[in-house]
Amino acid sequence: MVESFLQSLTDLVQANIGNPLFGPKELASQMGMSHSSLLRKVRNLTGKPVNQLITEIRLTKAREM
C-alpha cells in the first residue's frame, strides 16, 4: 500500500513534469487528499517534505532523459 501510494505520487509528478506551477497543492488535489494530509503522509513515509520529493522526482526524470 505504501509503495502503491508513492508510485501514484511519482506518476503524477512525472505526468506534470512540464508544468512549472505544479506543486504540493496541485499534487494533493490530484491525489484526492487535503494539502495538510498529503504533507503529513509524505513526511511520515519518506522523512522528506513534499517539495523536496517533487524536486527529487523531477531530477531523476531529467537524468533519465
N, C-alpha and C. Protein backbone atom coordinates (compact mmCIF):
# COMPACT_ATOMS: atom_id res chain seq x y z
N MET A 1 0.82 -1.19 0.00
CA MET A 1 0.00 0.00 0.00
C MET A 1 0.87 1.26 0.00
N VAL A 2 1.91 1.25 0.79
CA VAL A 2 2.81 2.40 0.84
C VAL A 2 3.49 2.59 -0.51
N GLU A 3 3.98 1.49 -1.07
CA GLU A 3 4.64 1.57 -2.37
C GLU A 3 3.68 2.02 -3.45
N SER A 4 2.44 1.58 -3.37
CA SER A 4 1.41 1.97 -4.34
C SER A 4 1.15 3.48 -4.26
N PHE A 5 1.06 3.99 -3.03
CA PHE A 5 0.85 5.42 -2.83
C PHE A 5 2.01 6.23 -3.40
N LEU A 6 3.22 5.82 -3.08
CA LEU A 6 4.40 6.55 -3.56
C LEU A 6 4.54 6.44 -5.08
N GLN A 7 4.16 5.31 -5.65
CA GLN A 7 4.21 5.16 -7.11
C GLN A 7 3.19 6.08 -7.77
N SER A 8 1.99 6.17 -7.21
CA SER A 8 0.97 7.08 -7.74
C SER A 8 1.45 8.52 -7.68
N LEU A 9 2.05 8.87 -6.58
CA LEU A 9 2.58 10.22 -6.40
C LEU A 9 3.66 10.50 -7.45
N THR A 10 4.58 9.56 -7.64
CA THR A 10 5.65 9.71 -8.62
C THR A 10 5.08 9.83 -10.03
N ASP A 11 4.10 9.00 -10.35
CA ASP A 11 3.49 9.05 -11.68
C ASP A 11 2.83 10.41 -11.95
N LEU A 12 2.17 10.96 -10.95
CA LEU A 12 1.53 12.26 -11.13
C LEU A 12 2.55 13.38 -11.32
N VAL A 13 3.62 13.33 -10.56
CA VAL A 13 4.67 14.35 -10.71
C VAL A 13 5.28 14.24 -12.12
N GLN A 14 5.56 13.03 -12.56
CA GLN A 14 6.14 12.85 -13.89
C GLN A 14 5.17 13.27 -14.99
N ALA A 15 3.88 13.05 -14.80
CA ALA A 15 2.88 13.45 -15.79
C ALA A 15 2.78 14.97 -15.90
N ASN A 16 3.17 15.66 -14.84
CA ASN A 16 3.09 17.12 -14.82
C ASN A 16 4.48 17.76 -14.85
N ILE A 17 5.44 17.03 -15.36
CA ILE A 17 6.84 17.48 -15.33
C ILE A 17 7.04 18.80 -16.09
N GLY A 18 6.23 19.03 -17.11
CA GLY A 18 6.36 20.24 -17.90
C GLY A 18 5.64 21.45 -17.32
N ASN A 19 4.95 21.27 -16.23
CA ASN A 19 4.19 22.34 -15.60
C ASN A 19 5.00 22.94 -14.45
N PRO A 20 5.58 24.12 -14.66
CA PRO A 20 6.41 24.71 -13.60
C PRO A 20 5.60 25.14 -12.37
N LEU A 21 4.28 25.24 -12.51
CA LEU A 21 3.44 25.66 -11.39
C LEU A 21 2.93 24.47 -10.56
N PHE A 22 3.28 23.26 -10.99
CA PHE A 22 2.83 22.06 -10.28
C PHE A 22 3.59 21.94 -8.97
N GLY A 23 2.84 21.91 -7.89
CA GLY A 23 3.46 21.82 -6.57
C GLY A 23 2.60 20.99 -5.63
N PRO A 24 2.85 21.10 -4.36
CA PRO A 24 2.14 20.28 -3.37
C PRO A 24 0.62 20.44 -3.39
N LYS A 25 0.12 21.64 -3.60
CA LYS A 25 -1.33 21.84 -3.61
C LYS A 25 -1.97 21.14 -4.79
N GLU A 26 -1.35 21.24 -5.96
CA GLU A 26 -1.89 20.58 -7.15
C GLU A 26 -1.77 19.06 -7.01
N LEU A 27 -0.67 18.61 -6.44
CA LEU A 27 -0.46 17.19 -6.22
C LEU A 27 -1.52 16.64 -5.26
N ALA A 28 -1.77 17.35 -4.19
CA ALA A 28 -2.78 16.91 -3.22
C ALA A 28 -4.15 16.82 -3.88
N SER A 29 -4.47 17.81 -4.68
CA SER A 29 -5.76 17.81 -5.38
C SER A 29 -5.89 16.60 -6.29
N GLN A 30 -4.84 16.31 -7.06
CA GLN A 30 -4.88 15.19 -7.98
C GLN A 30 -4.85 13.84 -7.25
N MET A 31 -4.29 13.81 -6.06
CA MET A 31 -4.26 12.58 -5.27
C MET A 31 -5.58 12.39 -4.50
N GLY A 32 -6.44 13.41 -4.51
CA GLY A 32 -7.71 13.33 -3.80
C GLY A 32 -7.55 13.47 -2.30
N MET A 33 -6.57 14.27 -1.90
CA MET A 33 -6.28 14.46 -0.47
C MET A 33 -6.25 15.95 -0.16
N SER A 34 -6.38 16.27 1.11
CA SER A 34 -6.17 17.66 1.51
C SER A 34 -4.66 17.93 1.50
N HIS A 35 -4.33 19.19 1.37
CA HIS A 35 -2.93 19.60 1.33
C HIS A 35 -2.20 19.15 2.60
N SER A 36 -2.81 19.41 3.75
CA SER A 36 -2.16 19.06 5.02
C SER A 36 -2.02 17.55 5.18
N SER A 37 -3.01 16.78 4.73
CA SER A 37 -2.92 15.32 4.82
C SER A 37 -1.77 14.79 3.97
N LEU A 38 -1.63 15.35 2.77
CA LEU A 38 -0.54 14.93 1.89
C LEU A 38 0.81 15.25 2.52
N LEU A 39 0.95 16.45 3.05
CA LEU A 39 2.21 16.84 3.68
C LEU A 39 2.59 15.90 4.81
N ARG A 40 1.61 15.59 5.67
CA ARG A 40 1.85 14.69 6.81
C ARG A 40 2.20 13.28 6.34
N LYS A 41 1.44 12.75 5.39
CA LYS A 41 1.65 11.37 4.95
C LYS A 41 3.00 11.21 4.28
N VAL A 42 3.36 12.14 3.40
CA VAL A 42 4.65 12.05 2.71
C VAL A 42 5.79 12.17 3.71
N ARG A 43 5.68 13.08 4.63
CA ARG A 43 6.73 13.25 5.65
C ARG A 43 6.87 11.99 6.50
N ASN A 44 5.75 11.38 6.88
CA ASN A 44 5.80 10.16 7.69
C ASN A 44 6.39 8.98 6.91
N LEU A 45 6.08 8.88 5.62
CA LEU A 45 6.54 7.75 4.82
C LEU A 45 7.99 7.88 4.36
N THR A 46 8.39 9.12 4.03
CA THR A 46 9.71 9.30 3.43
C THR A 46 10.69 10.07 4.31
N GLY A 47 10.17 10.81 5.28
CA GLY A 47 11.03 11.65 6.10
C GLY A 47 11.42 12.94 5.39
N LYS A 48 10.78 13.21 4.25
CA LYS A 48 11.12 14.39 3.45
C LYS A 48 9.86 15.24 3.25
N PRO A 49 10.05 16.55 3.10
CA PRO A 49 8.91 17.39 2.74
C PRO A 49 8.49 17.14 1.28
N VAL A 50 7.26 17.44 0.97
CA VAL A 50 6.72 17.19 -0.38
C VAL A 50 7.52 17.95 -1.43
N ASN A 51 7.87 19.20 -1.17
CA ASN A 51 8.64 19.97 -2.15
C ASN A 51 9.95 19.28 -2.53
N GLN A 52 10.63 18.75 -1.53
CA GLN A 52 11.89 18.05 -1.79
C GLN A 52 11.64 16.79 -2.60
N LEU A 53 10.59 16.06 -2.28
CA LEU A 53 10.28 14.83 -3.01
C LEU A 53 9.96 15.14 -4.47
N ILE A 54 9.18 16.20 -4.72
CA ILE A 54 8.85 16.60 -6.09
C ILE A 54 10.13 16.95 -6.84
N THR A 55 11.02 17.70 -6.21
CA THR A 55 12.28 18.08 -6.85
C THR A 55 13.12 16.86 -7.18
N GLU A 56 13.19 15.91 -6.25
CA GLU A 56 13.97 14.69 -6.49
C GLU A 56 13.40 13.87 -7.64
N ILE A 57 12.08 13.78 -7.73
CA ILE A 57 11.44 13.04 -8.83
C ILE A 57 11.75 13.73 -10.15
N ARG A 58 11.67 15.04 -10.17
CA ARG A 58 11.97 15.80 -11.40
C ARG A 58 13.43 15.61 -11.82
N LEU A 59 14.33 15.66 -10.86
CA LEU A 59 15.77 15.49 -11.19
C LEU A 59 16.05 14.08 -11.70
N THR A 60 15.41 13.10 -11.10
CA THR A 60 15.60 11.73 -11.56
C THR A 60 15.10 11.57 -12.98
N LYS A 61 13.95 12.15 -13.29
CA LYS A 61 13.40 12.09 -14.66
C LYS A 61 14.32 12.82 -15.64
N ALA A 62 14.86 13.95 -15.22
CA ALA A 62 15.78 14.72 -16.08
C ALA A 62 17.04 13.91 -16.38
N ARG A 63 17.55 13.19 -15.39
CA ARG A 63 18.74 12.35 -15.61
C ARG A 63 18.42 11.23 -16.59
N GLU A 64 17.22 10.69 -16.54
CA GLU A 64 16.82 9.62 -17.45
C GLU A 64 16.74 10.11 -18.89
N MET A 65 16.37 11.35 -19.06
CA MET A 65 16.23 11.92 -20.39
C MET A 65 17.59 12.20 -20.95
